[in-house]
Amino acid sequence: MTFRRGQHVEVYRKSADESWENHMDAFIGIHGIIVDPDTSINDPTALVEVSLEGKGTHRLPQDSLRVID
C-alpha cells in the first residue's frame, strides 16, 4: 500500500522491520496522520513520518501501519 500525506493511520502491530525499537511498542494502538510518506522514492520498505496523537512525530515502518477512516 502507498501512503499519502494527510491519511489517518493507526499503529496496529509491531513491525518485523529491523528499524523497530522496543520503545515503539508503546505506540501500538495510537492513531496519527501521515506527514511525509516518502513518495519520491516510492519504496514500500521505506519508513514514513507519522504525527502520533500525544506522542509527537516519528518515522515508522510501513508494515506497522494501517489506514483508518
Protein backbone atom coordinates (compact mmCIF):
# COMPACT_ATOMS: atom_id res chain seq x y z
CA MET A 1 0.00 0.00 0.00
CA THR A 2 1.17 3.51 -0.77
CA PHE A 3 0.54 6.05 1.96
CA ARG A 4 -0.43 9.63 1.15
CA ARG A 5 0.18 12.81 3.13
CA GLY A 6 -2.76 13.57 5.43
CA GLN A 7 -4.05 9.98 5.67
CA HIS A 8 -5.24 8.88 9.09
CA VAL A 9 -3.48 5.75 10.28
CA GLU A 10 -3.18 3.50 13.30
CA VAL A 11 -0.06 1.79 14.55
CA TYR A 12 -1.71 -1.61 14.78
CA ARG A 13 1.15 -4.02 15.30
CA LYS A 14 4.84 -4.43 16.00
CA SER A 15 6.92 -4.27 12.83
CA ALA A 16 9.14 -7.06 11.57
CA ASP A 17 11.50 -4.36 10.22
CA GLU A 18 14.90 -4.06 11.87
CA SER A 19 14.27 -0.35 12.45
CA TRP A 20 11.54 -1.17 15.02
CA GLU A 21 12.81 -0.39 18.52
CA ASN A 22 11.44 -1.64 21.84
CA HIS A 23 10.16 1.81 22.89
CA MET A 24 7.91 1.80 19.80
CA ASP A 25 5.79 -0.96 21.38
CA ALA A 26 4.11 1.86 23.34
CA PHE A 27 2.82 3.31 20.02
CA ILE A 28 0.68 0.25 19.21
CA GLY A 29 -2.98 1.29 19.13
CA ILE A 30 -2.23 5.01 18.70
CA HIS A 31 -3.71 6.97 15.79
CA GLY A 32 -1.87 9.53 13.73
CA ILE A 33 -1.59 11.36 10.42
CA ILE A 34 0.95 10.71 7.65
CA VAL A 35 3.26 13.74 7.44
CA ASP A 36 5.88 12.50 4.98
CA PRO A 37 5.10 9.33 3.01
CA ASP A 38 8.42 9.36 1.09
CA THR A 39 6.57 9.09 -2.23
CA SER A 40 9.57 10.48 -4.06
CA ILE A 41 11.42 7.18 -3.66
CA ASN A 42 8.25 5.02 -3.86
CA ASP A 43 9.79 2.29 -1.71
CA PRO A 44 7.31 0.15 0.24
CA THR A 45 10.02 -0.72 2.76
CA ALA A 46 10.90 2.92 3.49
CA LEU A 47 9.97 4.49 6.80
CA VAL A 48 7.14 7.02 6.79
CA GLU A 49 6.85 10.04 9.05
CA VAL A 50 3.73 9.97 11.19
CA SER A 51 2.43 12.55 13.66
CA LEU A 52 1.05 10.42 16.51
CA GLU A 53 -1.63 11.74 18.86
CA GLY A 54 0.10 12.84 22.06
CA LYS A 55 3.44 11.25 21.11
CA GLY A 56 4.98 13.63 18.58
CA THR A 57 6.27 12.83 15.10
CA HIS A 58 8.13 9.59 14.40
CA ARG A 59 9.45 7.64 11.42
CA LEU A 60 7.78 4.23 11.42
CA PRO A 61 7.97 1.11 9.25
CA GLN A 62 5.01 0.79 6.88
CA ASP A 63 4.14 -2.76 7.95
CA SER A 64 3.16 -1.46 11.39
CA LEU A 65 0.57 0.96 9.98
CA ARG A 66 -2.94 0.66 8.60
CA VAL A 67 -5.24 3.31 7.17
CA ILE A 68 -8.33 4.19 9.22
CA ASP A 69 -11.40 6.12 8.12
